[in-house]
Amino acid sequence: MRRGFSLFETIVAVGIAAVFLGAIAVFTLELGAARERLGRLSRRLECADSVFAALDRAFASAVVADARGTAGIAGSDASLRVLSSGVGLGDDGAELLADGVSTEVRFDAARGRIGVGRGTQRDELDAEVRLLRIRYLGESGWLESYDSVAQGAFPAAIEVAIWFGGMAEQPGEEPSMSTARASDEDAADEVATLAPEDFGPPDRVRIFRIPGAPRVDPLALRRLREEDEP
């Protein structure tokens, strides 16, 4: 005699199916979150590498000043312009050889983006940035701005530090720049009132030496960096 499932067996089967489907849903959500984190990390690495590569190339042939007396190294704590020797195409009446190839790195605090420009080309890097800090090593220590014409020389070193995450993140938390900003103006005001130490250690940092710059003792540079650490 054939018999169907009992009520108890049906309930057990439905329960097992629900658990199985729940596990699949959790796995799918975790997989999506992992892909999002991987994409975010990839954009951050590409952003930092783009900034550092552009400056590396610019510093390799940087000039203190061009023929018109424009500073070859001019910048603040959030932007930097470098003039380099370059070979032009000779079009539009421009000189074939000139100290006028301009590379610029600029941080837009309101948008949370870093822009990199070379010549007439400008690109906004696709990574959310919390803070970019540029500083210049002079005779008296780190400076927040620099002008190679006014100083008459290159800085001994230039440090570029990038913070991608939010301030005081908890372990396991992922910052959301879009939800953290009430408006672009609020974001700019917030960053302006915070010190770099409020963000913790930078996610990416690099110190550049320019060919022809004053020599600096590596031990002295290390001591300066240690003094910055909380």
Protein backbone atom coordinates (compact mmCIF):
# COMPACT_ATOMS: atom_id res chain seq x y z
CA MET A 1 0.00 0.00 0.00
CA ARG A 2 1.48 3.36 -1.04
CA ARG A 3 1.38 6.19 1.48
CA GLY A 4 2.32 9.89 1.28
CA PHE A 5 4.52 11.90 3.56
CA SER A 6 3.35 12.48 7.06
CA LEU A 7 2.91 16.03 8.37
CA PHE A 8 6.06 15.66 10.49
CA GLU A 9 8.13 14.52 7.51
CA THR A 10 6.82 17.39 5.42
CA ILE A 11 7.73 19.92 8.10
CA VAL A 12 11.24 18.45 8.41
CA ALA A 13 11.74 18.55 4.62
CA VAL A 14 10.57 22.16 4.43
CA GLY A 15 12.87 23.09 7.32
CA ILE A 16 15.89 21.47 5.64
CA ALA A 17 15.09 23.24 2.37
CA ALA A 18 14.76 26.58 4.17
CA VAL A 19 18.13 26.12 5.87
CA PHE A 20 19.72 25.16 2.57
CA LEU A 21 18.26 28.15 0.75
CA GLY A 22 19.29 30.45 3.62
CA ALA A 23 22.87 29.17 3.41
CA ILE A 24 22.91 29.83 -0.34
CA ALA A 25 21.57 33.36 0.23
CA VAL A 26 24.23 34.11 2.88
CA PHE A 27 26.97 32.73 0.62
CA THR A 28 25.75 34.86 -2.28
CA LEU A 29 25.70 38.00 -0.13
CA GLU A 30 29.19 37.31 1.24
CA LEU A 31 30.48 36.65 -2.27
CA GLY A 32 29.05 39.97 -3.46
CA ALA A 33 30.59 41.79 -0.49
CA ALA A 34 33.95 40.13 -1.16
CA ARG A 35 33.83 41.22 -4.79
CA GLU A 36 32.99 44.77 -3.71
CA ARG A 37 35.93 44.84 -1.25
CA LEU A 38 38.26 43.45 -3.92
CA GLY A 39 37.09 46.08 -6.40
CA ARG A 40 37.58 48.84 -3.83
CA LEU A 41 41.10 47.58 -3.02
CA SER A 42 41.96 47.38 -6.71
CA ARG A 43 40.81 50.98 -7.29
CA ARG A 44 42.83 52.17 -4.30
CA LEU A 45 46.01 50.45 -5.45
CA GLU A 46 45.56 51.79 -8.97
CA CYS A 47 44.97 55.29 -7.61
CA ALA A 48 48.12 55.31 -5.48
CA ASP A 49 50.23 53.75 -8.23
CA SER A 50 48.97 56.33 -10.75
CA VAL A 51 49.90 59.23 -8.44
CA PHE A 52 53.32 57.83 -7.59
CA ALA A 53 54.15 56.88 -11.20
CA ALA A 54 53.19 60.33 -12.50
CA LEU A 55 55.38 62.05 -9.90
CA ASP A 56 58.24 59.61 -10.45
CA ARG A 57 58.28 60.48 -14.15
CA ALA A 58 57.98 64.22 -13.48
CA PHE A 59 60.73 64.35 -10.83
CA ALA A 60 63.18 62.46 -13.07
CA SER A 61 63.66 65.58 -15.23
CA ALA A 62 62.27 68.34 -13.01
CA VAL A 63 63.66 71.87 -13.23
CA VAL A 64 63.99 74.48 -10.49
CA ALA A 65 62.53 77.11 -12.84
CA ASP A 66 61.69 77.37 -16.51
CA ALA A 67 62.86 80.06 -18.95
CA ARG A 68 60.04 82.39 -17.86
CA GLY A 69 60.97 82.07 -14.18
CA THR A 70 58.02 79.84 -13.28
CA ALA A 71 58.72 77.59 -10.31
CA GLY A 72 59.47 74.00 -11.27
CA ILE A 73 58.25 72.69 -7.90
CA ALA A 74 55.25 74.56 -6.53
CA GLY A 75 52.70 73.11 -4.19
CA SER A 76 50.69 73.08 -1.00
CA ASP A 77 49.64 70.29 1.33
CA ALA A 78 46.90 69.21 -1.12
CA SER A 79 48.32 69.95 -4.56
CA LEU A 80 51.63 69.83 -6.38
CA ARG A 81 52.78 71.06 -9.80
CA VAL A 82 56.04 69.91 -11.35
CA LEU A 83 57.66 71.37 -14.48
CA SER A 84 59.96 68.99 -16.31
CA SER A 85 62.27 69.07 -19.30
CA GLY A 86 60.57 67.47 -22.26
CA VAL A 87 60.52 67.05 -25.99
CA GLY A 88 57.53 68.59 -27.72
CA LEU A 89 56.11 68.03 -31.18
CA GLY A 90 56.96 71.52 -32.40
CA ASP A 91 53.35 72.24 -33.35
CA ASP A 92 51.39 75.44 -32.66
CA GLY A 93 54.64 77.40 -32.69
CA ALA A 94 55.84 75.75 -29.48
CA GLU A 95 59.51 75.04 -28.96
CA LEU A 96 60.71 71.54 -29.74
CA LEU A 97 62.81 71.40 -26.59
CA ALA A 98 61.43 73.20 -23.57
CA ASP A 99 61.25 73.10 -19.77
CA GLY A 100 57.50 73.26 -19.84
CA VAL A 101 56.00 69.79 -19.44
CA SER A 102 53.65 70.27 -16.49
CA THR A 103 52.50 67.46 -14.18
CA GLU A 104 49.93 68.25 -11.52
CA VAL A 105 48.43 66.26 -8.64
CA ARG A 106 45.47 67.83 -6.87
CA PHE A 107 43.11 66.62 -4.14
CA ASP A 108 39.47 67.69 -4.22
CA ALA A 109 38.30 67.31 -0.61
CA ALA A 110 34.67 68.01 -1.47
CA ARG A 111 34.53 65.17 -4.01
CA GLY A 112 37.01 62.90 -2.27
CA ARG A 113 38.97 62.40 -5.48
CA ILE A 114 42.55 62.90 -6.67
CA GLY A 115 43.12 64.44 -10.08
CA VAL A 116 46.32 63.87 -12.06
CA GLY A 117 47.21 66.04 -15.04
CA ARG A 118 50.03 66.06 -17.55
CA GLY A 119 50.12 68.81 -20.12
CA THR A 120 46.58 69.45 -21.28
CA GLN A 121 45.30 66.03 -20.20
CA ARG A 122 43.46 65.75 -16.88
CA ASP A 123 42.20 62.55 -15.26
CA GLU A 124 40.18 62.04 -12.09
CA LEU A 125 41.18 58.77 -10.43
CA ASP A 126 38.37 56.34 -9.64
CA ALA A 127 38.94 55.81 -5.93
CA GLU A 128 37.36 57.44 -2.90
CA VAL A 129 40.06 59.27 -0.96
CA ARG A 130 39.70 60.59 2.57
CA LEU A 131 42.86 62.69 2.62
CA LEU A 132 45.92 63.48 0.54
CA ARG A 133 48.86 65.13 2.29
CA ILE A 134 51.90 66.49 0.51
CA ARG A 135 54.80 67.97 2.45
CA TYR A 136 58.28 69.16 1.61
CA LEU A 137 61.51 68.65 3.51
CA GLY A 138 63.46 71.87 3.96
CA GLU A 139 66.33 72.95 6.18
CA SER A 140 64.00 73.52 9.14
CA GLY A 141 62.02 70.29 8.72
CA TRP A 142 58.74 69.46 6.99
CA LEU A 143 56.97 72.32 5.20
CA GLU A 144 53.32 72.47 4.12
CA SER A 145 54.06 74.46 0.96
CA TYR A 146 57.01 75.02 -1.34
CA ASP A 147 58.15 77.19 -4.23
CA SER A 148 61.46 76.26 -5.83
CA VAL A 149 61.98 79.78 -7.23
CA ALA A 150 61.50 81.41 -3.83
CA GLN A 151 63.73 78.81 -2.17
CA GLY A 152 66.25 78.75 -4.99
CA ALA A 153 66.49 74.95 -4.94
CA PHE A 154 64.55 71.72 -4.85
CA PRO A 155 63.27 70.47 -1.50
CA ALA A 156 65.45 67.76 0.00
CA ALA A 157 62.52 65.34 -0.24
CA ILE A 158 58.79 65.31 -0.91
CA GLU A 159 56.41 63.02 0.96
CA VAL A 160 53.04 62.03 -0.51
CA ALA A 161 50.62 60.23 1.83
CA ILE A 162 47.15 58.94 0.95
CA TRP A 163 44.34 57.94 3.31
CA PHE A 164 41.52 55.94 1.73
CA GLY A 165 39.50 54.89 4.76
CA GLY A 166 37.33 56.92 7.13
CA MET A 167 38.37 58.29 10.50
CA ALA A 168 38.46 55.90 13.48
CA GLU A 169 37.12 52.87 11.62
CA GLN A 170 36.25 49.80 13.65
CA PRO A 171 37.76 46.45 12.64
CA GLY A 172 35.70 44.84 9.91
CA GLU A 173 33.89 48.07 9.01
CA GLU A 174 34.06 49.39 5.49
CA PRO A 175 33.80 53.16 5.12
CA SER A 176 31.12 54.55 2.84
CA MET A 177 32.09 57.94 1.56
CA SER A 178 28.73 58.46 -0.12
CA THR A 179 26.78 57.92 3.09
CA ALA A 180 29.30 59.77 5.24
CA ARG A 181 28.87 63.00 3.27
CA ALA A 182 25.79 65.06 3.93
CA SER A 183 26.97 67.40 1.16
CA ASP A 184 30.16 68.28 -0.69
CA GLU A 185 30.57 71.48 1.33
CA ASP A 186 30.17 69.63 4.64
CA ALA A 187 32.80 67.11 3.56
CA ALA A 188 35.31 69.82 2.67
CA ASP A 189 34.69 71.60 5.99
CA GLU A 190 35.08 68.32 7.89
CA VAL A 191 38.43 67.48 6.31
CA ALA A 192 39.68 71.05 6.82
CA THR A 193 39.08 70.86 10.58
CA LEU A 194 40.86 67.51 11.03
CA ALA A 195 44.56 66.88 11.43
CA PRO A 196 46.23 63.98 9.57
CA GLU A 197 46.84 62.17 12.87
CA ASP A 198 43.07 61.99 13.34
CA PHE A 199 42.96 59.56 10.42
CA GLY A 200 45.59 57.17 11.74
CA PRO A 201 48.52 55.92 9.64
CA PRO A 202 48.25 56.58 5.88
CA ASP A 203 47.24 53.68 3.64
CA ARG A 204 49.93 54.51 1.11
CA VAL A 205 52.94 56.78 1.59
CA ARG A 206 56.05 57.48 -0.42
CA ILE A 207 59.01 59.83 -0.07
CA PHE A 208 60.52 61.12 -3.32
CA ARG A 209 64.06 62.35 -3.88
CA ILE A 210 64.57 64.68 -6.84
CA PRO A 211 67.82 64.42 -8.85
CA GLY A 212 69.88 67.48 -8.01
CA ALA A 213 68.13 68.11 -4.69
CA PRO A 214 70.16 68.78 -1.53
CA ARG A 215 71.39 65.59 0.06
CA VAL A 216 69.64 64.41 3.19
CA ASP A 217 70.92 62.10 5.89
CA PRO A 218 68.72 58.94 5.89
CA LEU A 219 68.99 58.75 9.68
CA ALA A 220 67.76 62.34 10.00
CA LEU A 221 64.86 61.58 7.67
CA ARG A 222 64.00 58.51 9.73
CA ARG A 223 64.07 60.58 12.92
CA LEU A 224 61.67 63.11 11.39
CA ARG A 225 59.25 60.36 10.47
CA GLU A 226 59.46 58.82 13.93
CA GLU A 227 58.63 62.19 15.48
CA ASP A 228 55.41 62.20 13.46
CA GLU A 229 54.27 58.89 14.88
CA PRO A 230 51.89 59.17 17.87
